[in-house]
Structure formats: C-alpha cells, structure tokens
Amino acid sequence: MTVTIEQDFGDGASGLSDETGGATVADALRAAADDMTNLRVKFAALLAKLDADTGLDDSDYVSTLTPAAQTLVKG
C-alpha cells in the first residue's frame, strides 16, 4: 500500500484523520513500519551474504552490524 503524505497533512487539525479520504497518521505510521521492516530484512540478508563471501576478509558482519531489535511494529 502506498501512502502519500501531502504538503498540508494535518493542517488546521490534529491530523489524526482526514475526512477527504486521504492518509491518516495511523496510515502513515503503518506504512513507515512496513518500510522499516522491509529495509531491515534486506539489510540482514546483505550482511549474511557478506559473511558467506569467501573473497572478503574474515569479518563477522552479522554480529557487528545487525541493528538492535525493531521497536516500530504494527499491531
């Protein structure tokens, strides 16, 4: 799902909902959580690939570069 946050998102109100059918804050946060999860999965796969590559020096990329547990999640 693509969420577009317009220039005037939340102007004149709390921005918690949009009566015109546009994105809400909840929509934006859920989309951000999806994007972050996607990036983390790809980053973890890249680190695993680097560790498996025999052409690189003996660095343990997974143990040194894996980010902390994700805190922005969808409920």
N, C-alpha and C. Protein backbone atom coordinates (compact mmCIF):
# COMPACT_ATOMS: atom_id res chain seq x y z
N MET A 1 0.85 -1.17 0.00
CA MET A 1 0.00 0.00 0.00
C MET A 1 0.89 1.24 0.00
N THR A 2 0.64 2.15 -0.89
CA THR A 2 1.37 3.41 -0.94
C THR A 2 0.58 4.47 -0.20
N VAL A 3 1.24 5.14 0.72
CA VAL A 3 0.62 6.22 1.47
C VAL A 3 1.31 7.51 1.06
N THR A 4 0.52 8.47 0.59
CA THR A 4 1.07 9.76 0.20
C THR A 4 0.76 10.77 1.29
N ILE A 5 1.79 11.37 1.84
CA ILE A 5 1.60 12.40 2.86
C ILE A 5 1.73 13.74 2.14
N GLU A 6 0.61 14.39 1.98
CA GLU A 6 0.57 15.66 1.26
C GLU A 6 1.24 16.77 2.05
N GLN A 7 1.58 17.86 1.38
CA GLN A 7 2.22 19.02 1.97
C GLN A 7 1.40 19.57 3.15
N ASP A 8 0.08 19.54 3.04
CA ASP A 8 -0.78 20.11 4.08
C ASP A 8 -1.33 19.06 5.05
N PHE A 9 -0.69 17.93 5.14
CA PHE A 9 -1.14 16.84 6.00
C PHE A 9 -1.25 17.33 7.44
N GLY A 10 -2.46 17.27 8.00
CA GLY A 10 -2.69 17.67 9.38
C GLY A 10 -2.89 19.15 9.59
N ASP A 11 -2.83 19.97 8.55
CA ASP A 11 -3.03 21.41 8.72
C ASP A 11 -4.41 21.70 9.28
N GLY A 12 -4.45 22.57 10.28
CA GLY A 12 -5.73 23.04 10.82
C GLY A 12 -6.43 22.04 11.71
N ALA A 13 -5.83 20.91 11.96
CA ALA A 13 -6.46 19.91 12.81
C ALA A 13 -5.37 19.05 13.42
N SER A 14 -5.78 18.04 14.11
CA SER A 14 -4.81 17.17 14.76
C SER A 14 -4.07 16.28 13.78
N GLY A 15 -4.65 16.08 12.59
CA GLY A 15 -4.03 15.20 11.61
C GLY A 15 -4.27 13.73 11.90
N LEU A 16 -5.16 13.46 12.86
CA LEU A 16 -5.42 12.07 13.20
C LEU A 16 -6.30 11.38 12.17
N SER A 17 -7.08 12.14 11.45
CA SER A 17 -7.90 11.58 10.39
C SER A 17 -8.11 12.63 9.32
N ASP A 18 -8.51 12.17 8.17
CA ASP A 18 -8.75 13.08 7.04
C ASP A 18 -10.11 12.74 6.46
N GLU A 19 -11.02 13.66 6.58
CA GLU A 19 -12.39 13.42 6.10
C GLU A 19 -12.47 13.32 4.58
N THR A 20 -11.43 13.72 3.87
CA THR A 20 -11.46 13.67 2.41
C THR A 20 -11.02 12.31 1.87
N GLY A 21 -10.75 11.38 2.76
CA GLY A 21 -10.35 10.06 2.30
C GLY A 21 -8.86 9.89 2.09
N GLY A 22 -8.08 10.87 2.48
CA GLY A 22 -6.63 10.78 2.35
C GLY A 22 -6.02 9.95 3.46
N ALA A 23 -4.71 10.01 3.56
CA ALA A 23 -3.98 9.24 4.56
C ALA A 23 -4.19 9.82 5.95
N THR A 24 -4.25 8.95 6.93
CA THR A 24 -4.30 9.36 8.33
C THR A 24 -2.92 9.16 8.95
N VAL A 25 -2.74 9.65 10.14
CA VAL A 25 -1.47 9.44 10.83
C VAL A 25 -1.23 7.94 11.02
N ALA A 26 -2.28 7.22 11.36
CA ALA A 26 -2.15 5.77 11.52
C ALA A 26 -1.69 5.11 10.22
N ASP A 27 -2.25 5.54 9.09
CA ASP A 27 -1.83 5.01 7.79
C ASP A 27 -0.34 5.26 7.56
N ALA A 28 0.09 6.49 7.86
CA ALA A 28 1.48 6.86 7.64
C ALA A 28 2.41 6.05 8.54
N LEU A 29 2.04 5.88 9.80
CA LEU A 29 2.87 5.11 10.71
C LEU A 29 2.93 3.64 10.33
N ARG A 30 1.81 3.09 9.91
CA ARG A 30 1.80 1.68 9.50
C ARG A 30 2.64 1.49 8.24
N ALA A 31 2.58 2.44 7.31
CA ALA A 31 3.41 2.37 6.11
C ALA A 31 4.89 2.50 6.47
N ALA A 32 5.21 3.37 7.42
CA ALA A 32 6.59 3.53 7.86
C ALA A 32 7.10 2.24 8.50
N ALA A 33 6.25 1.58 9.28
CA ALA A 33 6.63 0.31 9.90
C ALA A 33 6.90 -0.74 8.83
N ASP A 34 6.06 -0.79 7.80
CA ASP A 34 6.27 -1.73 6.70
C ASP A 34 7.60 -1.46 6.00
N ASP A 35 7.86 -0.18 5.70
CA ASP A 35 9.10 0.18 5.01
C ASP A 35 10.31 -0.18 5.85
N MET A 36 10.26 0.12 7.15
CA MET A 36 11.38 -0.16 8.03
C MET A 36 11.63 -1.67 8.12
N THR A 37 10.56 -2.44 8.23
CA THR A 37 10.70 -3.89 8.30
C THR A 37 11.34 -4.42 7.02
N ASN A 38 10.90 -3.91 5.88
CA ASN A 38 11.46 -4.31 4.59
C ASN A 38 12.96 -4.02 4.51
N LEU A 39 13.35 -2.81 4.91
CA LEU A 39 14.76 -2.43 4.87
C LEU A 39 15.59 -3.30 5.80
N ARG A 40 15.07 -3.60 6.97
CA ARG A 40 15.81 -4.42 7.93
C ARG A 40 16.02 -5.84 7.39
N VAL A 41 15.00 -6.40 6.75
CA VAL A 41 15.12 -7.74 6.18
C VAL A 41 16.19 -7.75 5.08
N LYS A 42 16.16 -6.75 4.21
CA LYS A 42 17.15 -6.68 3.13
C LYS A 42 18.56 -6.47 3.68
N PHE A 43 18.68 -5.63 4.72
CA PHE A 43 19.99 -5.37 5.32
C PHE A 43 20.54 -6.64 5.96
N ALA A 44 19.70 -7.38 6.66
CA ALA A 44 20.14 -8.63 7.28
C ALA A 44 20.60 -9.63 6.22
N ALA A 45 19.87 -9.69 5.10
CA ALA A 45 20.26 -10.59 4.01
C ALA A 45 21.60 -10.17 3.41
N LEU A 46 21.83 -8.87 3.28
CA LEU A 46 23.11 -8.38 2.76
C LEU A 46 24.25 -8.75 3.70
N LEU A 47 24.05 -8.59 5.01
CA LEU A 47 25.09 -8.96 5.96
C LEU A 47 25.40 -10.45 5.89
N ALA A 48 24.37 -11.27 5.79
CA ALA A 48 24.58 -12.72 5.68
C ALA A 48 25.35 -13.06 4.40
N LYS A 49 25.02 -12.37 3.32
CA LYS A 49 25.72 -12.59 2.04
C LYS A 49 27.19 -12.20 2.16
N LEU A 50 27.46 -11.08 2.82
CA LEU A 50 28.85 -10.65 3.01
C LEU A 50 29.63 -11.66 3.85
N ASP A 51 29.00 -12.19 4.89
CA ASP A 51 29.66 -13.20 5.72
C ASP A 51 29.95 -14.47 4.94
N ALA A 52 29.09 -14.82 4.01
CA ALA A 52 29.26 -16.05 3.23
C ALA A 52 30.28 -15.88 2.10
N ASP A 53 30.60 -14.64 1.73
CA ASP A 53 31.51 -14.37 0.63
C ASP A 53 32.95 -14.69 1.05
N THR A 54 33.57 -15.62 0.35
CA THR A 54 34.93 -16.03 0.71
C THR A 54 35.98 -15.03 0.22
N GLY A 55 35.60 -14.10 -0.63
CA GLY A 55 36.56 -13.13 -1.15
C GLY A 55 36.84 -12.00 -0.18
N LEU A 56 36.06 -11.86 0.86
CA LEU A 56 36.26 -10.79 1.82
C LEU A 56 37.10 -11.30 2.99
N ASP A 57 37.69 -10.34 3.72
CA ASP A 57 38.46 -10.77 4.89
C ASP A 57 37.52 -11.40 5.92
N ASP A 58 38.07 -11.96 6.95
CA ASP A 58 37.28 -12.73 7.90
C ASP A 58 36.58 -11.83 8.91
N SER A 59 35.66 -10.99 8.43
CA SER A 59 34.87 -10.14 9.32
C SER A 59 33.52 -10.79 9.55
N ASP A 60 33.00 -10.65 10.74
CA ASP A 60 31.68 -11.18 11.07
C ASP A 60 30.70 -10.02 11.00
N TYR A 61 30.19 -9.76 9.80
CA TYR A 61 29.31 -8.61 9.58
C TYR A 61 27.99 -8.74 10.33
N VAL A 62 27.45 -9.95 10.40
CA VAL A 62 26.18 -10.14 11.08
C VAL A 62 26.30 -9.75 12.55
N SER A 63 27.34 -10.19 13.20
CA SER A 63 27.46 -9.91 14.64
C SER A 63 27.84 -8.46 14.92
N THR A 64 28.51 -7.80 13.99
CA THR A 64 28.95 -6.43 14.26
C THR A 64 28.02 -5.36 13.72
N LEU A 65 27.20 -5.67 12.72
CA LEU A 65 26.39 -4.62 12.09
C LEU A 65 24.88 -4.82 12.19
N THR A 66 24.42 -5.95 12.70
CA THR A 66 22.98 -6.16 12.81
C THR A 66 22.40 -5.16 13.79
N PRO A 67 21.35 -4.43 13.39
CA PRO A 67 20.76 -3.43 14.29
C PRO A 67 20.03 -4.08 15.46
N ALA A 68 19.77 -3.28 16.47
CA ALA A 68 19.01 -3.75 17.63
C ALA A 68 17.60 -4.15 17.18
N ALA A 69 16.89 -4.80 18.07
CA ALA A 69 15.52 -5.24 17.74
C ALA A 69 14.66 -4.06 17.31
N GLN A 70 13.81 -4.32 16.35
CA GLN A 70 12.92 -3.29 15.82
C GLN A 70 11.87 -2.91 16.86
N THR A 71 11.68 -1.61 17.06
CA THR A 71 10.69 -1.16 18.03
C THR A 71 9.44 -0.58 17.37
N LEU A 72 9.53 -0.19 16.10
CA LEU A 72 8.36 0.31 15.38
C LEU A 72 7.72 -0.86 14.65
N VAL A 73 6.62 -1.36 15.20
CA VAL A 73 5.94 -2.51 14.61
C VAL A 73 4.45 -2.22 14.53
N LYS A 74 3.78 -2.94 13.65
CA LYS A 74 2.33 -2.78 13.50
C LYS A 74 1.63 -3.70 14.49
N GLY A 75 0.51 -3.21 15.02
CA GLY A 75 -0.26 -4.02 15.97
C GLY A 75 -1.55 -4.48 15.38
